[in-house]
C-alpha atoms as a PDB file:
ATOM      1  CA  MET A   1       5.377   2.777 -31.617  1.00  0.00           C
ATOM      2  CA  GLU A   2       5.629  -0.092 -33.970  1.00  0.00           C
ATOM      3  CA  SER A   3       8.169  -1.682 -36.323  1.00  0.00           C
ATOM      4  CA  GLY A   4       6.236  -3.752 -38.784  1.00  0.00           C
ATOM      5  CA  PHE A   5       3.760  -5.643 -36.491  1.00  0.00           C
ATOM      6  CA  LYS A   6       6.006  -5.460 -33.488  1.00  0.00           C
ATOM      7  CA  LYS A   7       5.244  -3.226 -30.610  1.00  0.00           C
ATOM      8  CA  LEU A   8       8.259  -1.016 -29.544  1.00  0.00           C
ATOM      9  CA  LEU A   9       6.677   0.784 -26.641  1.00  0.00           C
ATOM     10  CA  SER A  10       3.710   0.209 -24.315  1.00  0.00           C
ATOM     11  CA  ILE A  11       2.520   2.459 -21.541  1.00  0.00           C
ATOM     12  CA  VAL A  12       0.164   1.210 -18.879  1.00  0.00           C
ATOM     13  CA  LEU A  13      -1.833   3.898 -17.059  1.00  0.00           C
ATOM     14  CA  ILE A  14      -3.490   2.730 -13.704  1.00  0.00           C
ATOM     15  CA  GLY A  15      -5.906   5.122 -12.176  1.00  0.00           C
ATOM     16  CA  GLN A  16      -9.157   5.901 -10.517  1.00  0.00           C
ATOM     17  CA  PRO A  17     -12.476   6.376 -12.255  1.00  0.00           C
ATOM     18  CA  GLU A  18     -11.609   9.917 -12.891  1.00  0.00           C
ATOM     19  CA  LEU A  19      -8.877   8.951 -15.403  1.00  0.00           C
ATOM     20  CA  ALA A  20     -11.510   7.177 -17.530  1.00  0.00           C
ATOM     21  CA  VAL A  21     -13.428  10.500 -17.632  1.00  0.00           C
ATOM     22  CA  LYS A  22     -10.146  12.394 -18.832  1.00  0.00           C
ATOM     23  CA  LEU A  23      -9.515   9.841 -21.367  1.00  0.00           C
ATOM     24  CA  SER A  24     -13.044   9.679 -22.689  1.00  0.00           C
ATOM     25  CA  GLU A  25     -13.525   9.437 -26.399  1.00  0.00           C
ATOM     26  CA  ARG A  26     -15.772  12.614 -26.000  1.00  0.00           C
ATOM     27  CA  ASN A  27     -12.878  14.658 -24.820  1.00  0.00           C
ATOM     28  CA  MET A  28     -11.532  16.238 -28.115  1.00  0.00           C
ATOM     29  CA  GLU A  29      -8.418  17.473 -26.299  1.00  0.00           C
ATOM     30  CA  VAL A  30      -7.058  13.898 -26.076  1.00  0.00           C
ATOM     31  CA  ARG A  31      -8.768  12.436 -29.161  1.00  0.00           C
ATOM     32  CA  GLU A  32      -5.428  11.296 -30.681  1.00  0.00           C
ATOM     33  CA  VAL A  33      -4.297   9.623 -27.613  1.00  0.00           C
ATOM     34  CA  VAL A  34      -7.666   7.876 -26.853  1.00  0.00           C
ATOM     35  CA  GLN A  35      -7.692   6.316 -30.217  1.00  0.00           C
ATOM     36  CA  ARG A  36      -4.513   4.370 -29.334  1.00  0.00           C
ATOM     37  CA  CYS A  37      -5.760   3.334 -25.890  1.00  0.00           C
ATOM     38  CA  GLU A  38      -7.242   0.161 -24.587  1.00  0.00           C
ATOM     39  CA  VAL A  39      -9.252   0.792 -21.514  1.00  0.00           C
ATOM     40  CA  VAL A  40      -9.669  -2.160 -19.232  1.00  0.00           C
ATOM     41  CA  GLU A  41     -11.746  -1.774 -16.166  1.00  0.00           C
ATOM     42  CA  LEU A  42     -10.988  -4.105 -13.117  1.00  0.00           C
ATOM     43  CA  LEU A  43     -13.918  -5.624 -11.486  1.00  0.00           C
ATOM     44  CA  PRO A  44     -14.081  -5.924  -7.618  1.00  0.00           C
ATOM     45  CA  LEU A  45     -12.626  -9.046  -6.127  1.00  0.00           C
ATOM     46  CA  ASP A  46     -15.889 -10.108  -4.514  1.00  0.00           C
ATOM     47  CA  ASN A  47     -15.788 -13.973  -4.462  1.00  0.00           C
ATOM     48  CA  SER A  48     -11.957 -13.933  -5.069  1.00  0.00           C
ATOM     49  CA  LEU A  49     -11.053 -12.133  -1.871  1.00  0.00           C
ATOM     50  CA  GLU A  50      -9.665 -15.044   0.074  1.00  0.00           C
ATOM     51  CA  ALA A  51      -7.706 -16.327  -3.115  1.00  0.00           C
ATOM     52  CA  PHE A  52      -6.301 -12.893  -3.607  1.00  0.00           C
ATOM     53  CA  LEU A  53      -5.112 -12.563   0.029  1.00  0.00           C
ATOM     54  CA  THR A  54      -3.744 -16.140  -0.085  1.00  0.00           C
ATOM     55  CA  PHE A  55      -1.730 -15.126  -3.176  1.00  0.00           C
ATOM     56  CA  LYS A  56      -0.471 -11.921  -1.560  1.00  0.00           C
ATOM     57  CA  PHE A  57       0.681 -13.716   1.566  1.00  0.00           C
ATOM     58  CA  GLU A  58       2.250 -16.592  -0.263  1.00  0.00           C
ATOM     59  CA  ARG A  59       4.389 -14.206  -2.156  1.00  0.00           C
ATOM     60  CA  THR A  60       5.905 -13.112   1.039  1.00  0.00           C
ATOM     61  CA  GLY A  61       6.352 -16.825   2.229  1.00  0.00           C
ATOM     62  CA  LYS A  62       3.434 -16.707   4.639  1.00  0.00           C
ATOM     63  CA  LYS A  63       0.270 -18.568   4.810  1.00  0.00           C
ATOM     64  CA  LEU A  64      -3.048 -16.526   5.190  1.00  0.00           C
ATOM     65  CA  THR A  65      -4.051 -18.398   8.185  1.00  0.00           C
ATOM     66  CA  ASP A  66      -0.821 -17.514   9.987  1.00  0.00           C
ATOM     67  CA  MET A  67      -1.675 -13.714   9.497  1.00  0.00           C
ATOM     68  CA  MET A  68      -5.614 -13.471   9.763  1.00  0.00           C
ATOM     69  CA  ASP A  69      -8.530 -15.577  10.670  1.00  0.00           C
ATOM     70  CA  SER A  70     -11.734 -16.047   8.659  1.00  0.00           C
ATOM     71  CA  SER A  71     -13.630 -13.554  10.658  1.00  0.00           C
ATOM     72  CA  ALA A  72     -11.083 -10.953   9.455  1.00  0.00           C
ATOM     73  CA  ILE A  73     -11.723 -11.831   5.825  1.00  0.00           C
ATOM     74  CA  GLU A  74     -15.550 -11.309   6.322  1.00  0.00           C
ATOM     75  CA  ALA A  75     -14.839  -8.158   8.100  1.00  0.00           C
ATOM     76  CA  ILE A  76     -12.889  -6.855   5.174  1.00  0.00           C
ATOM     77  CA  ARG A  77     -15.674  -7.872   2.818  1.00  0.00           C
ATOM     78  CA  GLY A  78     -18.258  -6.113   5.091  1.00  0.00           C
ATOM     79  CA  ARG A  79     -16.038  -3.050   5.415  1.00  0.00           C
ATOM     80  CA  LEU A  80     -15.470  -2.591   1.583  1.00  0.00           C
ATOM     81  CA  SER A  81     -19.094  -3.169   0.636  1.00  0.00           C
ATOM     82  CA  SER A  82     -22.038  -0.731   1.092  1.00  0.00           C
ATOM     83  CA  ASN A  83     -25.679  -0.914   0.505  1.00  0.00           C
ATOM     84  CA  LEU A  84     -27.475   1.355  -1.861  1.00  0.00           C
ATOM     85  CA  GLY A  85     -31.116   1.002  -1.156  1.00  0.00           C
ATOM     86  CA  SER A  86     -32.674  -2.339  -0.189  1.00  0.00           C
ATOM     87  CA  ARG A  87     -31.640  -4.322  -3.175  1.00  0.00           C
ATOM     88  CA  LYS A  88     -28.341  -2.947  -4.560  1.00  0.00           C
ATOM     89  CA  LYS A  89     -25.035  -3.742  -2.888  1.00  0.00           C
ATOM     90  CA  VAL A  90     -21.797  -2.080  -4.088  1.00  0.00           C
ATOM     91  CA  SER A  91     -18.599  -3.739  -3.747  1.00  0.00           C
ATOM     92  CA  LEU A  92     -15.447  -1.701  -3.188  1.00  0.00           C
ATOM     93  CA  LEU A  93     -13.174  -4.886  -2.987  1.00  0.00           C
ATOM     94  CA  TYR A  94     -10.597  -3.551  -5.370  1.00  0.00           C
ATOM     95  CA  PRO A  95      -6.859  -4.760  -4.856  1.00  0.00           C
ATOM     96  CA  LEU A  96      -5.630  -1.392  -3.794  1.00  0.00           C
ATOM     97  CA  ALA A  97      -8.402  -0.819  -1.246  1.00  0.00           C
ATOM     98  CA  VAL A  98      -8.139  -4.262   0.029  1.00  0.00           C
ATOM     99  CA  SER A  99      -4.314  -4.042   0.402  1.00  0.00           C
ATOM    100  CA  ASN A 100      -4.496  -0.741   2.166  1.00  0.00           C
ATOM    101  CA  LEU A 101      -7.020  -2.058   4.635  1.00  0.00           C
ATOM    102  CA  VAL A 102      -4.956  -5.260   5.237  1.00  0.00           C
ATOM    103  CA  ILE A 103      -1.699  -3.199   6.005  1.00  0.00           C
ATOM    104  CA  ALA A 104      -3.673  -0.924   8.338  1.00  0.00           C
ATOM    105  CA  ALA A 105      -5.239  -3.933  10.222  1.00  0.00           C
ATOM    106  CA  MET A 106      -1.772  -5.588  10.383  1.00  0.00           C
ATOM    107  CA  ASN A 107      -0.191  -2.446  11.724  1.00  0.00           C
ATOM    108  CA  LEU A 108      -2.935  -2.113  14.392  1.00  0.00           C
ATOM    109  CA  ALA A 109      -2.665  -5.701  15.385  1.00  0.00           C
ATOM    110  CA  ALA A 110       1.060  -5.377  15.765  1.00  0.00           C
ATOM    111  CA  ASP A 111       0.587  -2.074  17.984  1.00  0.00           C
ATOM    112  CA  ILE A 112      -1.985  -3.561  20.195  1.00  0.00           C
ATOM    113  CA  GLY A 113      -0.157  -7.054  20.367  1.00  0.00           C
ATOM    114  CA  VAL A 114      -2.804  -9.196  18.606  1.00  0.00           C
ATOM    115  CA  PRO A 115      -0.939 -12.157  17.016  1.00  0.00           C
ATOM    116  CA  VAL A 116      -3.460 -12.824  14.240  1.00  0.00           C
ATOM    117  CA  VAL A 117      -5.708 -10.146  12.594  1.00  0.00           C
ATOM    118  CA  ASN A 118      -9.322 -10.905  13.468  1.00  0.00           C
ATOM    119  CA  ALA A 119     -12.561  -9.055  12.784  1.00  0.00           C
ATOM    120  CA  ASP A 120     -12.203  -6.797  15.750  1.00  0.00           C
ATOM    121  CA  VAL A 121      -8.896  -5.417  14.430  1.00  0.00           C
ATOM    122  CA  VAL A 122     -10.344  -4.785  11.013  1.00  0.00           C
ATOM    123  CA  LYS A 123     -13.216  -2.829  12.555  1.00  0.00           C
ATOM    124  CA  GLY A 124     -10.882  -1.002  14.689  1.00  0.00           C
ATOM    125  CA  VAL A 125      -9.063   0.454  11.519  1.00  0.00           C
END
């Protein structure tokens, strides 16, 4: 909806890859909607993993180093990456997956009494 050049309403849809299939330009049932959509695909965090985690913890008033050590960060990277063949490596380091894994690791660390999340805790999730 617009009033002149000013947008009155914006809707943001966040979804898994299946949503992109449903909102495909080839799907005639949603043709009118798709023509008004802008699709943006988020890339994996890859080299920004530590910066992302630092940002998330700083928003809660904590330092990343107070919550997890460097081995945990590498374990997260390893856990959310997979090899397809000998040359191709697929990264699944998306914000939602990283956040879910970190929450599970922190909960496990609290349950077993480990003060700082480390690689062993991440591997135990």
